């Protein structure tokens, strides 16, 4: 197979429209240097924020573009690959795709998705937990993993929550790690959303429990968060911040509930004794008293 008659049209299905248009700008700004065709390889250097090496290789049934820029780690083509394809077509007198062809054939990317994710971290207490649970599947790279339904691990309503019910609900979350296909990275959002729902139930249903009961619930939530939840996920995307914000809220309620300084100090000592590797837990949670 030789290169397609129109290389720029050939790559549309793997290129977002905005990326394609930026690539056209690059080609028309003469950012492509040392363009060479050798047998089954079209190669050039494209000047962006840095100088990137870009090429197309001919396969038996396809032509494949690649680039040394960070964006090229995604499955869709970067503007540098587009720039090379456009430069090649222009050099050979081939018409570029029309606006109609771009609209019909380009890869569709939800550019508002990043804003939605930013909103989750900007206001974690009101985060869209369904989006958090599904976020990992929106990327261009994934691997087979268990799908975990989002539901309340603890009951809702006005009835006061018991320590026994809390422990049972948290155990259900812990058991997810043993589910077939569980993936610490791709399931992290789902687990974080479930734990956030559990903590939301505690916050809602602990409104009228005694201080003693509240301290017991709080201890269980914190110990689970640090000793069970964090080790079972890959939190490199920062999903841990969503349940963490709820922990902070629960801690912040201690003084309002009338917890004496001695009770707070006892809680601090217990947490630091039973949670290793995180330093002073109260300092970690930014609790001042």
Foldseek 3Di string as FASTA:
>chain_A
DAQDLQLLLQQQQQAALVQLVLLCVQLVVVQWADFDDDDFKTWTWGDDVHIKIKMWGDDPPDIDIAIPDPVRVFRGDGSPNSNSSNNVCVVVVHDHDDPVSNVVRHHDDDPCLVVLVVVCLVCLLPHPLVCLQCVLVNGRDDDFADRDDADALADADQAADALVRLVNSLVVLLCVLVDPRHDQENRLSVSLSNLLSSLVRNVRRNPPPALVRLLSSLLVSVLCLQVRNVVSHDCPVVSSSNSLVSNLVSVVCNVVNPPDPVNVVVSQVVCPVRHPDPPRVCVVSVHDD
